[in-house]
Structure formats: C-alpha cells, structure tokens
Amino acid sequence: MPHAVPAIRSTWPRRLRTVAVWTVSVLLVAAVLALAIAYMLWRGRPASWYAHQQWLAKTPAARRLVLADALEERLSHFQTRTRWSQACNTAVPPDIATPAELARWQPGTDVGLDMSPTNIAGTGRRTLVIRTNELNSWLTQRLPQWLAHHDAQLPREISQPAVSVSKGLVTLSFQYASPRLTQVLTFRIRPEMVPQAQGHPQLRLTLEQALAGRLPLPPSRLESLIAQNAGARDRQAVQSILAALQGHQFDPALPVPGDRLRTVRLDGFEFLPGNEGVKLDTQFDPTRPGR
C-alpha cells in the first residue's frame, strides 16, 4: 500500500499578508506626509506676499502717498487731449530717494505743447508706464477713497490687495477673511495679446495658478471655497471673474473716463525687468457713432 504524501503547506498566504501590511503602512505614511505638506502650504504665504509686506513695513505712509500721487499725475497727463512731454511719462521718484527728497519731488511738466487741432482731439499712439510700487501705493492709500467716490466698495471679506509682475505673469494677492475662513488668496494670471486676421489684436487672460496660502487650488475648488464663505452677490462676481480668466479673448478698448468723444485701446505691453512694472502701448481713437 503506497505511503500518503504529506501535504506541503504553502507560504503564499503569509507572504501576501506581509505585502499587504507593508503596502497599507506605506500608503498611510504617504497620506500623513501629504496632509502635513498640504497643511504647511495652507498655513504658508507666497513669496510675493512676504515681499509686499516687507515693502509696506519699510515704506513710510508719506512716501506711499507721493508714489500714489505720481501715478495719478501720470495717468492724468496720459489721457489729456493735448500732447504731453516724455518727462511726464517717465518722471517718477526714484526708489533710493530719501523722504526729504521725495517731499520736494514734482512731476514733469508739459513742454512745447502742440496746440494743433488734430492733437487737441487727443488721438494717436501713447505709451504709459505703470510701476508696481506706485500701483501698490495707490491701492493702499487711494483705493478706498476712489471706491467711495464712485459709490462702490470692496467685498468686506477682501483687504490688503497687492500686485506684482514677474516672468510674464501678473500676480494679484489679497487677504480674505470671513467667519469661517481667513486666508491669503493669490491669482497668477498670464496676459497675452492675440493677433487677429482682421482688426486689432485681442487680449487674452489665463489663470495660470490659484493659491490659498501656498497651497495650489484648481479654479473649481477655489470657486467652491469662496462660494461656501461669501454672499450671493460676491459668489456671482467670483464666477464672472473666473470665467473671464479661462483664456477667453476680448477687445481691450474702453471709453476714456470723462470723455465721450474718445476711446483708448491696448495694442501691446511689455514687462519691465524684475518686478518694476509694465509698459502699455495704447491707441486713442475717436468714439464711433452710436457707441
């Protein structure tokens, strides 16, 4: 009678259990690390925000007022109907000036005014330089009064807006505070002029990145986050803004403020080196009948 062959116990179940335990352990560690990194990014602040806060801390309010006034002065000359000198477009207080020097600084004045009828009409090409330190000074020192003058105001959740430019991107940051959420939100936007087969170039704005703290968020998640913490009117405004930042093209022409006879069109732009600002190339045209 043949002997019974003893059953060989397989080691595979034990190995499978070991592999499963290790896999679950690795996944748990990875999940914990991911949550820790996400929390650190959420609690962090973008470098551009830190740089802006440092600039505010070391820049006296009196100097910010001078910088804001310089921007308003240049904008006033920019849209005037008479020809303005190049000095008006470039005379800005240098960053290295002392407060006493800034107090004595005066914008350039018009020289050699061309009073010909065609120039008084205020049409033609013009260039405008906007520097980030002037714009951020205006946002901190003049924006509230300007909004009040136009019977408007920022949503109560938004404060401390700041703008920077770098590597072809415009970065807008602000403090968002509601009963359920306090965070620095940042939008990195890529502007592009798109040539057309016929007519003027169109402007395209694309949201490259949205951040909560330093944590990247997809636009849909950002919209949901704000929708949960804002009023109905603010939700509609956020939805409209995010829709406009999805790469849609539009005609960058606007009526000249306070002038029904002219429109100004953006034809091109160039970022200045570093975080200095942007140079805008524009065209002033007579307003078309019916517009």
Protein backbone atom coordinates (compact mmCIF):
# COMPACT_ATOMS: atom_id res chain seq x y z
CA MET A 1 0.00 0.00 0.00
CA PRO A 2 1.59 3.30 -1.05
CA HIS A 3 2.50 5.77 1.61
CA ALA A 4 0.44 9.00 1.78
CA VAL A 5 2.37 12.07 0.62
CA PRO A 6 2.27 14.70 3.36
CA ALA A 7 0.61 17.99 2.29
CA ILE A 8 3.04 20.84 1.66
CA ARG A 9 1.87 23.99 3.41
CA SER A 10 2.12 26.96 1.07
CA THR A 11 3.88 30.11 2.29
CA TRP A 12 2.00 32.36 -0.16
CA PRO A 13 -0.80 33.43 2.22
CA ARG A 14 1.79 34.59 4.75
CA ARG A 15 3.73 36.46 2.09
CA LEU A 16 0.56 38.08 0.80
CA ARG A 17 -0.33 39.21 4.28
CA THR A 18 3.16 40.67 4.74
CA VAL A 19 2.98 42.52 1.43
CA ALA A 20 -0.49 43.82 2.27
CA VAL A 21 0.65 45.08 5.68
CA TRP A 22 3.66 46.85 4.17
CA THR A 23 1.55 48.36 1.39
CA VAL A 24 -1.03 49.70 3.81
CA SER A 25 1.71 51.07 6.06
CA VAL A 26 3.42 52.86 3.18
CA LEU A 27 0.11 54.31 1.98
CA LEU A 28 -0.72 55.54 5.48
CA VAL A 29 2.69 57.18 5.87
CA ALA A 30 2.34 58.78 2.42
CA ALA A 31 -1.12 60.06 3.30
CA VAL A 32 0.11 61.55 6.57
CA LEU A 33 3.04 63.21 4.81
CA ALA A 34 0.75 64.58 2.09
CA LEU A 35 -1.61 66.02 4.70
CA ALA A 36 1.31 67.54 6.61
CA ILE A 37 2.70 69.14 3.45
CA ALA A 38 -0.74 70.41 2.44
CA TYR A 39 -1.22 71.91 5.92
CA MET A 40 2.18 73.62 5.76
CA LEU A 41 1.37 75.04 2.32
CA TRP A 42 -2.06 76.17 3.54
CA ARG A 43 -0.50 77.95 6.51
CA GLY A 44 2.32 79.45 4.42
CA ARG A 45 2.36 82.66 2.42
CA PRO A 46 3.62 83.20 -1.15
CA ALA A 47 6.98 84.90 -1.58
CA SER A 48 5.32 87.81 -3.39
CA TRP A 49 3.07 88.42 -0.36
CA TYR A 50 6.02 88.41 2.03
CA ALA A 51 7.91 90.81 -0.24
CA HIS A 52 4.92 93.17 -0.34
CA GLN A 53 4.50 93.10 3.44
CA GLN A 54 8.21 93.86 3.91
CA TRP A 55 7.95 96.73 1.44
CA LEU A 56 4.96 98.15 3.32
CA ALA A 57 6.81 97.88 6.64
CA LYS A 58 9.84 99.83 5.42
CA THR A 59 7.97 102.39 3.27
CA PRO A 60 6.50 105.33 5.24
CA ALA A 61 2.92 106.29 4.51
CA ALA A 62 4.09 109.73 3.35
CA ARG A 63 6.27 108.16 0.68
CA ARG A 64 3.44 105.87 -0.44
CA LEU A 65 1.25 108.95 -0.85
CA VAL A 66 3.88 110.56 -3.08
CA LEU A 67 4.12 107.40 -5.19
CA ALA A 68 0.33 107.19 -5.46
CA ASP A 69 0.17 110.85 -6.49
CA ALA A 70 2.87 110.24 -9.10
CA LEU A 71 0.75 107.52 -10.69
CA GLU A 72 -2.37 109.69 -10.71
CA GLU A 73 -0.39 112.59 -12.19
CA ARG A 74 0.96 110.44 -14.99
CA LEU A 75 -2.45 108.95 -15.72
CA SER A 76 -3.88 112.47 -15.90
CA HIS A 77 -1.23 113.51 -18.44
CA PHE A 78 -1.68 110.22 -20.28
CA GLN A 79 -5.33 110.84 -21.09
CA THR A 80 -5.14 114.59 -21.64
CA ARG A 81 -6.23 115.91 -25.04
CA THR A 82 -3.02 117.90 -25.52
CA ARG A 83 0.42 116.46 -26.20
CA TRP A 84 2.42 115.83 -23.08
CA SER A 85 6.19 115.71 -22.78
CA GLN A 86 8.13 112.48 -22.37
CA ALA A 87 9.21 113.80 -18.99
CA CYS A 88 5.63 113.49 -17.74
CA ASN A 89 5.64 109.82 -18.61
CA THR A 90 8.97 108.98 -17.00
CA ALA A 91 9.39 111.45 -14.14
CA VAL A 92 8.85 109.20 -11.13
CA PRO A 93 10.52 109.46 -7.74
CA PRO A 94 13.48 107.04 -7.56
CA ASP A 95 13.38 104.22 -5.03
CA ILE A 96 16.65 105.41 -3.49
CA ALA A 97 15.35 108.91 -2.72
CA THR A 98 15.12 109.96 0.90
CA PRO A 99 11.77 111.08 2.40
CA ALA A 100 13.01 114.70 2.29
CA GLU A 101 13.88 114.37 -1.38
CA LEU A 102 10.54 112.74 -2.10
CA ALA A 103 8.74 115.61 -0.39
CA ARG A 104 10.43 118.04 -2.83
CA TRP A 105 9.80 115.85 -5.89
CA GLN A 106 7.48 117.30 -8.52
CA PRO A 107 6.21 115.51 -11.64
CA GLY A 108 7.46 116.73 -15.02
CA THR A 109 5.54 119.49 -16.73
CA ASP A 110 4.41 119.84 -20.29
CA VAL A 111 6.87 121.48 -22.62
CA GLY A 112 6.38 122.51 -26.23
CA LEU A 113 2.63 121.96 -26.23
CA ASP A 114 1.29 121.11 -29.66
CA MET A 115 -1.99 123.00 -29.88
CA SER A 116 -2.85 121.91 -33.41
CA PRO A 117 -6.50 120.83 -33.87
CA THR A 118 -5.55 117.22 -34.63
CA ASN A 119 -3.55 116.92 -31.43
CA ILE A 120 -6.11 118.69 -29.27
CA ALA A 121 -8.50 115.95 -30.36
CA GLY A 122 -6.23 113.66 -28.35
CA THR A 123 -5.95 110.76 -30.77
CA GLY A 124 -2.91 108.69 -31.71
CA ARG A 125 -0.49 106.29 -30.07
CA ARG A 126 0.65 106.78 -26.50
CA THR A 127 2.77 104.81 -24.06
CA LEU A 128 2.14 104.51 -20.34
CA VAL A 129 4.50 103.07 -17.72
CA ILE A 130 2.90 101.68 -14.55
CA ARG A 131 5.32 100.75 -11.79
CA THR A 132 4.34 98.20 -9.17
CA ASN A 133 5.48 100.30 -6.22
CA GLU A 134 3.26 103.17 -7.43
CA LEU A 135 0.31 100.87 -8.07
CA ASN A 136 0.59 99.17 -4.68
CA SER A 137 0.93 102.58 -3.03
CA TRP A 138 -2.25 103.67 -4.78
CA LEU A 139 -4.05 100.51 -3.68
CA THR A 140 -3.16 101.10 -0.04
CA GLN A 141 -3.53 104.90 0.07
CA ARG A 142 -6.12 105.85 -2.56
CA LEU A 143 -8.31 102.87 -3.46
CA PRO A 144 -10.79 103.21 -0.55
CA GLN A 145 -11.44 106.89 -1.32
CA TRP A 146 -11.69 106.22 -5.05
CA LEU A 147 -14.26 103.47 -4.49
CA ALA A 148 -16.25 105.65 -2.09
CA HIS A 149 -16.28 108.46 -4.66
CA HIS A 150 -17.83 106.02 -7.16
CA ASP A 151 -20.34 104.66 -4.60
CA ALA A 152 -18.59 101.30 -4.52
CA GLN A 153 -16.56 99.24 -2.10
CA LEU A 154 -14.56 96.05 -1.98
CA PRO A 155 -16.35 92.98 -0.61
CA ARG A 156 -16.00 93.18 3.15
CA GLU A 157 -14.05 89.91 3.18
CA ILE A 158 -11.24 91.33 0.99
CA SER A 159 -8.43 93.60 2.20
CA GLN A 160 -4.76 94.42 1.53
CA PRO A 161 -4.72 93.87 -2.25
CA ALA A 162 -1.24 93.69 -3.77
CA VAL A 163 0.08 93.33 -7.32
CA SER A 164 3.41 92.10 -8.67
CA VAL A 165 4.71 91.13 -12.10
CA SER A 166 7.32 88.51 -12.95
CA LYS A 167 8.12 86.06 -15.75
CA GLY A 168 5.21 87.15 -17.91
CA LEU A 169 2.67 86.79 -15.10
CA VAL A 170 0.63 89.32 -13.14
CA THR A 171 0.18 88.21 -9.53
CA LEU A 172 -2.76 89.52 -7.51
CA SER A 173 -2.90 88.70 -3.79
CA PHE A 174 -5.24 89.79 -1.04
CA GLN A 175 -6.34 88.87 2.46
CA TYR A 176 -9.67 87.06 2.55
CA ALA A 177 -11.40 86.95 5.95
CA SER A 178 -14.83 85.56 6.78
CA PRO A 179 -16.24 83.95 9.92
CA ARG A 180 -15.27 80.52 8.57
CA LEU A 181 -12.15 81.28 6.53
CA THR A 182 -9.14 83.55 6.89
CA GLN A 183 -6.53 83.13 4.19
CA VAL A 184 -4.26 84.91 1.72
CA LEU A 185 -5.54 84.16 -1.79
CA THR A 186 -3.27 84.58 -4.79
CA PHE A 187 -4.03 84.56 -8.51
CA ARG A 188 -1.27 84.27 -11.11
CA ILE A 189 -2.58 85.50 -14.45
CA ARG A 190 -0.91 85.38 -17.87
CA PRO A 191 -1.94 88.26 -20.18
CA GLU A 192 -1.38 87.85 -23.92
CA MET A 193 -2.12 89.95 -26.98
CA VAL A 194 -3.55 87.70 -29.72
CA PRO A 195 -3.14 88.95 -33.31
CA GLN A 196 -6.25 88.78 -35.48
CA ALA A 197 -6.50 88.14 -39.21
CA GLN A 198 -8.52 91.34 -39.44
CA GLY A 199 -8.80 94.20 -37.00
CA HIS A 200 -6.99 94.94 -33.77
CA PRO A 201 -5.32 92.36 -31.52
CA GLN A 202 -7.41 90.87 -28.74
CA LEU A 203 -6.44 90.48 -25.09
CA ARG A 204 -6.45 87.03 -23.54
CA LEU A 205 -6.22 86.48 -19.77
CA THR A 206 -5.46 83.00 -18.47
CA LEU A 207 -5.44 81.97 -14.82
CA GLU A 208 -2.19 80.01 -14.54
CA GLN A 209 -2.43 79.26 -10.84
CA ALA A 210 -4.59 79.97 -7.80
CA LEU A 211 -3.17 79.62 -4.30
CA ALA A 212 -4.66 79.51 -0.82
CA GLY A 213 -1.64 80.37 1.29
CA ARG A 214 0.96 78.45 -0.73
CA LEU A 215 -1.39 75.56 -1.49
CA PRO A 216 -2.29 75.34 -5.20
CA LEU A 217 -6.02 75.04 -5.87
CA PRO A 218 -7.83 74.24 -9.12
CA PRO A 219 -10.21 77.05 -10.15
CA SER A 220 -13.25 74.85 -9.45
CA ARG A 221 -12.09 74.20 -5.88
CA LEU A 222 -11.32 77.88 -5.35
CA GLU A 223 -14.76 78.86 -6.63
CA SER A 224 -16.36 76.29 -4.30
CA LEU A 225 -14.26 77.53 -1.35
CA ILE A 226 -15.33 81.13 -1.84
CA ALA A 227 -18.93 80.16 -2.57
CA GLN A 228 -19.13 78.48 0.83
CA ASN A 229 -17.88 81.59 2.62
CA ALA A 230 -19.27 84.56 0.65
CA GLY A 231 -22.59 86.19 -0.04
CA ALA A 232 -24.66 85.61 -3.18
CA ARG A 233 -23.51 88.80 -4.92
CA ASP A 234 -19.84 88.04 -4.20
CA ARG A 235 -20.28 84.48 -5.48
CA GLN A 236 -21.62 85.82 -8.77
CA ALA A 237 -18.70 88.23 -9.05
CA VAL A 238 -16.19 85.43 -8.42
CA GLN A 239 -17.86 83.21 -11.01
CA SER A 240 -17.74 86.01 -13.59
CA ILE A 241 -14.08 86.76 -12.90
CA LEU A 242 -13.01 83.12 -13.04
CA ALA A 243 -14.95 82.66 -16.28
CA ALA A 244 -13.10 85.64 -17.82
CA LEU A 245 -9.77 84.10 -16.79
CA GLN A 246 -10.25 80.87 -18.71
CA GLY A 247 -8.39 82.05 -21.80
CA HIS A 248 -11.25 83.91 -23.47
CA GLN A 249 -10.31 86.73 -25.84
CA PHE A 250 -11.89 90.17 -25.68
CA ASP A 251 -11.49 93.60 -27.21
CA PRO A 252 -9.27 95.72 -24.89
CA ALA A 253 -10.90 99.07 -25.72
CA LEU A 254 -12.56 101.35 -23.20
CA PRO A 255 -14.08 104.85 -23.19
CA VAL A 256 -11.71 107.48 -21.86
CA PRO A 257 -13.00 108.41 -18.37
CA GLY A 258 -14.95 111.66 -18.51
CA ASP A 259 -14.59 111.92 -22.30
CA ARG A 260 -17.42 110.68 -24.51
CA LEU A 261 -15.54 111.53 -27.71
CA ARG A 262 -12.60 109.15 -27.37
CA THR A 263 -11.77 105.52 -26.64
CA VAL A 264 -8.41 104.09 -25.62
CA ARG A 265 -7.28 100.68 -26.85
CA LEU A 266 -4.47 98.46 -25.57
CA ASP A 267 -2.31 97.46 -28.54
CA GLY A 268 0.52 95.77 -26.66
CA PHE A 269 2.51 95.66 -23.45
CA GLU A 270 5.98 94.87 -22.17
CA PHE A 271 7.00 93.81 -18.67
CA LEU A 272 9.84 95.84 -17.23
CA PRO A 273 12.83 93.99 -15.75
CA GLY A 274 12.36 92.40 -12.37
CA ASN A 275 9.25 93.44 -10.51
CA GLU A 276 9.40 97.05 -11.67
CA GLY A 277 6.18 97.26 -13.65
CA VAL A 278 4.73 97.20 -17.14
CA LYS A 279 4.79 99.46 -20.20
CA LEU A 280 1.49 99.76 -22.08
CA ASP A 281 1.24 100.66 -25.76
CA THR A 282 -2.14 102.24 -26.47
CA GLN A 283 -4.10 103.88 -29.24
CA PHE A 284 -6.54 106.75 -28.67
CA ASP A 285 -9.33 106.83 -31.27
CA PRO A 286 -12.45 108.94 -31.79
CA THR A 287 -15.55 107.28 -30.37
CA ARG A 288 -17.59 105.61 -33.07
CA PRO A 289 -21.11 106.99 -33.55
CA GLY A 290 -23.61 105.04 -31.51
CA ARG A 291 -21.08 103.76 -29.00
